[in-house]
Structures are given as structure tokens and as C-alpha cells.
């Protein structure tokens, strides 16, 4: 009788153990999914932070390059540059308009008093 009971209980116990194993396996999978999603979220945040830092560093490098370029000048003076430096510059050719032989202050005054230029 004892042996038959063991045999009867054995399949039930096997089913229970199988269900328990399945439940444990499912819980383990769920916890792994949670861990992977948390890890993926962390990696995403870290990559966003890294891209922001890289953008800031690249802007700083660009500004440094621009300021370095502004500070550079020609270290060598060619013969053409020496010749050009020695010559005086030609004055600009402008057409003269009769009646405008006045200074800028006087021209501004005349423009302000002229009725045809007002809105």
C-alpha cells in the first residue's frame, strides 16, 4: 500500500514540480527582461550624454581653431608685397556733384530740414 501511494503521489508531485519550475523560469525571464531594459535605457542615456559632451567639445575646438586662424599672419613677405607696400595707394575716383561741397554734418542738417524727404 505504501508503494502504490508513492506511485500515485509521484505523478502529482512531478506535475507540481514542473509547474514550479516553469513559474521560476518565467520569473527569471521576466527579471532578465527588466534588467536588459534597464541596461538598454542606461546605455541610451549614456550615449546621449556622450553626444552632448562631444558636441560641446567640437564647438570649443572649432572656436579655438577660428581664434588661432585669426591670430595667424603671413610670416614671409614676397617681393610683390614689398613693392606694393612701398607704393602709395591711388585715391578713389568719385564723381563730383555741384552743390555738395559741404561736410557730412551740414548735409545731415539739410536732409533733416528738406520737406520733400519727410514721410
C-alpha atoms as a PDB file:
ATOM      1  CA  UNK A   1       0.000   0.000   0.000  1.00  0.00           C
ATOM      2  CA  UNK A   2       2.773   2.382   0.753  1.00  0.00           C
ATOM      3  CA  UNK A   3       4.391   1.724  -2.522  1.00  0.00           C
ATOM      4  CA  UNK A   4       1.229   2.296  -4.507  1.00  0.00           C
ATOM      5  CA  UNK A   5       0.642   5.587  -2.727  1.00  0.00           C
ATOM      6  CA  UNK A   6       4.099   6.705  -3.589  1.00  0.00           C
ATOM      7  CA  UNK A   7       3.398   5.894  -7.202  1.00  0.00           C
ATOM      8  CA  UNK A   8       0.093   7.755  -7.090  1.00  0.00           C
ATOM      9  CA  UNK A   9       1.609  10.799  -5.426  1.00  0.00           C
ATOM     10  CA  UNK A  10       4.619  10.719  -7.653  1.00  0.00           C
ATOM     11  CA  UNK A  11       2.880  11.921 -10.851  1.00  0.00           C
ATOM     12  CA  UNK A  12       1.100  14.679  -8.911  1.00  0.00           C
ATOM     13  CA  UNK A  13       4.339  15.730  -7.298  1.00  0.00           C
ATOM     14  CA  UNK A  14       6.018  15.688 -10.714  1.00  0.00           C
ATOM     15  CA  UNK A  15       3.322  17.972 -12.120  1.00  0.00           C
ATOM     16  CA  UNK A  16       3.700  20.339  -9.171  1.00  0.00           C
ATOM     17  CA  UNK A  17       7.468  20.390  -9.554  1.00  0.00           C
ATOM     18  CA  UNK A  18       7.100  21.019 -13.282  1.00  0.00           C
ATOM     19  CA  UNK A  19       4.708  23.919 -12.683  1.00  0.00           C
ATOM     20  CA  UNK A  20       7.012  25.326 -10.027  1.00  0.00           C
ATOM     21  CA  UNK A  21       9.979  25.084 -12.389  1.00  0.00           C
ATOM     22  CA  UNK A  22       8.019  26.776 -15.166  1.00  0.00           C
ATOM     23  CA  UNK A  23       6.982  29.553 -12.802  1.00  0.00           C
ATOM     24  CA  UNK A  24      10.561  30.030 -11.588  1.00  0.00           C
ATOM     25  CA  UNK A  25      11.812  30.044 -15.183  1.00  0.00           C
ATOM     26  CA  UNK A  26       9.183  32.609 -16.169  1.00  0.00           C
ATOM     27  CA  UNK A  27      10.100  34.808 -13.195  1.00  0.00           C
ATOM     28  CA  UNK A  28      13.770  34.521 -14.112  1.00  0.00           C
ATOM     29  CA  UNK A  29      12.992  35.510 -17.732  1.00  0.00           C
ATOM     30  CA  UNK A  30      10.914  38.475 -16.565  1.00  0.00           C
ATOM     31  CA  UNK A  31      13.672  39.656 -14.246  1.00  0.00           C
ATOM     32  CA  UNK A  32      16.186  39.282 -17.109  1.00  0.00           C
ATOM     33  CA  UNK A  33      13.882  41.325 -19.380  1.00  0.00           C
ATOM     34  CA  UNK A  34      13.693  44.047 -16.724  1.00  0.00           C
ATOM     35  CA  UNK A  35      17.469  44.032 -16.291  1.00  0.00           C
ATOM     36  CA  UNK A  36      18.046  44.203 -20.055  1.00  0.00           C
ATOM     37  CA  UNK A  37      15.566  47.032 -20.495  1.00  0.00           C
ATOM     38  CA  UNK A  38      17.197  48.948 -17.614  1.00  0.00           C
ATOM     39  CA  UNK A  39      20.613  48.342 -19.136  1.00  0.00           C
ATOM     40  CA  UNK A  40      19.419  49.463 -22.561  1.00  0.00           C
ATOM     41  CA  UNK A  41      17.887  52.590 -21.039  1.00  0.00           C
ATOM     42  CA  UNK A  42      21.158  53.348 -19.245  1.00  0.00           C
ATOM     43  CA  UNK A  43      23.183  52.836 -22.424  1.00  0.00           C
ATOM     44  CA  UNK A  44      20.819  55.156 -24.309  1.00  0.00           C
ATOM     45  CA  UNK A  45      21.186  57.864 -21.665  1.00  0.00           C
ATOM     46  CA  UNK A  46      24.964  57.458 -21.621  1.00  0.00           C
ATOM     47  CA  UNK A  47      25.163  57.751 -25.416  1.00  0.00           C
ATOM     48  CA  UNK A  48      23.006  60.900 -25.314  1.00  0.00           C
ATOM     49  CA  UNK A  49      25.268  62.409 -22.649  1.00  0.00           C
ATOM     50  CA  UNK A  50      28.327  61.451 -24.685  1.00  0.00           C
ATOM     51  CA  UNK A  51      26.917  63.079 -27.823  1.00  0.00           C
ATOM     52  CA  UNK A  52      26.164  66.289 -25.903  1.00  0.00           C
ATOM     53  CA  UNK A  53      29.697  66.334 -24.470  1.00  0.00           C
ATOM     54  CA  UNK A  54      31.198  65.621 -27.905  1.00  0.00           C
ATOM     55  CA  UNK A  55      29.147  68.431 -29.481  1.00  0.00           C
ATOM     56  CA  UNK A  56      30.302  70.845 -26.794  1.00  0.00           C
ATOM     57  CA  UNK A  57      33.924  69.776 -27.221  1.00  0.00           C
ATOM     58  CA  UNK A  58      33.708  70.066 -31.009  1.00  0.00           C
ATOM     59  CA  UNK A  59      32.252  73.583 -30.694  1.00  0.00           C
ATOM     60  CA  UNK A  60      35.089  74.531 -28.338  1.00  0.00           C
ATOM     61  CA  UNK A  61      37.649  73.095 -30.763  1.00  0.00           C
ATOM     62  CA  UNK A  62      36.038  74.993 -33.657  1.00  0.00           C
ATOM     63  CA  UNK A  63      36.193  78.226 -31.659  1.00  0.00           C
ATOM     64  CA  UNK A  64      39.844  77.555 -30.806  1.00  0.00           C
ATOM     65  CA  UNK A  65      40.618  76.924 -34.485  1.00  0.00           C
ATOM     66  CA  UNK A  66      38.844  80.130 -35.510  1.00  0.00           C
ATOM     67  CA  UNK A  67      40.722  82.215 -32.945  1.00  0.00           C
ATOM     68  CA  UNK A  68      44.003  80.556 -33.989  1.00  0.00           C
ATOM     69  CA  UNK A  69      43.269  81.359 -37.639  1.00  0.00           C
ATOM     70  CA  UNK A  70      42.513  84.973 -36.756  1.00  0.00           C
ATOM     71  CA  UNK A  71      45.858  85.317 -34.959  1.00  0.00           C
ATOM     72  CA  UNK A  72      47.925  83.946 -37.838  1.00  0.00           C
ATOM     73  CA  UNK A  73      49.512  86.265 -40.329  1.00  0.00           C
ATOM     74  CA  UNK A  74      51.937  85.865 -43.191  1.00  0.00           C
ATOM     75  CA  UNK A  75      55.389  85.101 -41.853  1.00  0.00           C
ATOM     76  CA  UNK A  76      57.019  85.651 -45.248  1.00  0.00           C
ATOM     77  CA  UNK A  77      56.820  88.801 -47.297  1.00  0.00           C
ATOM     78  CA  UNK A  78      57.045  88.263 -51.027  1.00  0.00           C
ATOM     79  CA  UNK A  79      58.688  90.691 -53.395  1.00  0.00           C
ATOM     80  CA  UNK A  80      55.275  91.726 -54.734  1.00  0.00           C
ATOM     81  CA  UNK A  81      54.155  92.512 -51.187  1.00  0.00           C
ATOM     82  CA  UNK A  82      57.255  94.642 -50.596  1.00  0.00           C
ATOM     83  CA  UNK A  83      56.678  96.574 -53.821  1.00  0.00           C
ATOM     84  CA  UNK A  84      53.016  97.113 -53.015  1.00  0.00           C
ATOM     85  CA  UNK A  85      53.910  98.287 -49.506  1.00  0.00           C
ATOM     86  CA  UNK A  86      56.297 100.911 -50.870  1.00  0.00           C
ATOM     87  CA  UNK A  87      53.757 102.449 -53.274  1.00  0.00           C
ATOM     88  CA  UNK A  88      51.152 104.913 -52.157  1.00  0.00           C
ATOM     89  CA  UNK A  89      47.555 103.985 -52.783  1.00  0.00           C
ATOM     90  CA  UNK A  90      45.651 105.685 -55.562  1.00  0.00           C
ATOM     91  CA  UNK A  91      42.710 107.775 -54.422  1.00  0.00           C
ATOM     92  CA  UNK A  92      39.248 106.544 -55.355  1.00  0.00           C
ATOM     93  CA  UNK A  93      37.644 108.137 -58.359  1.00  0.00           C
ATOM     94  CA  UNK A  94      34.322 109.710 -57.426  1.00  0.00           C
ATOM     95  CA  UNK A  95      32.035 111.908 -59.395  1.00  0.00           C
ATOM     96  CA  UNK A  96      31.569 115.376 -58.007  1.00  0.00           C
ATOM     97  CA  UNK A  97      28.110 116.834 -57.764  1.00  0.00           C
ATOM     98  CA  UNK A  98      27.902 120.600 -57.795  1.00  0.00           C
ATOM     99  CA  UNK A  99      26.404 121.943 -54.576  1.00  0.00           C
ATOM    100  CA  UNK A 100      27.683 119.099 -52.431  1.00  0.00           C
ATOM    101  CA  UNK A 101      30.940 120.753 -51.489  1.00  0.00           C
ATOM    102  CA  UNK A 102      29.893 120.585 -47.824  1.00  0.00           C
ATOM    103  CA  UNK A 103      30.727 118.409 -44.824  1.00  0.00           C
ATOM    104  CA  UNK A 104      28.691 115.482 -43.524  1.00  0.00           C
ATOM    105  CA  UNK A 105      27.172 117.481 -40.635  1.00  0.00           C
ATOM    106  CA  UNK A 106      25.884 120.141 -42.990  1.00  0.00           C
ATOM    107  CA  UNK A 107      24.478 117.502 -45.353  1.00  0.00           C
ATOM    108  CA  UNK A 108      22.571 115.861 -42.456  1.00  0.00           C
ATOM    109  CA  UNK A 109      21.143 119.227 -41.432  1.00  0.00           C
ATOM    110  CA  UNK A 110      19.972 119.953 -44.968  1.00  0.00           C
ATOM    111  CA  UNK A 111      18.372 116.499 -45.262  1.00  0.00           C
ATOM    112  CA  UNK A 112      16.506 116.978 -41.979  1.00  0.00           C
ATOM    113  CA  UNK A 113      15.161 120.385 -42.988  1.00  0.00           C
ATOM    114  CA  UNK A 114      14.152 119.334 -46.516  1.00  0.00           C
ATOM    115  CA  UNK A 115      10.354 118.922 -46.708  1.00  0.00           C
ATOM    116  CA  UNK A 116      10.443 116.539 -49.689  1.00  0.00           C
ATOM    117  CA  UNK A 117      12.418 113.892 -47.740  1.00  0.00           C
ATOM    118  CA  UNK A 118       9.914 113.681 -44.868  1.00  0.00           C
ATOM    119  CA  UNK A 119       7.363 110.901 -44.763  1.00  0.00           C
END
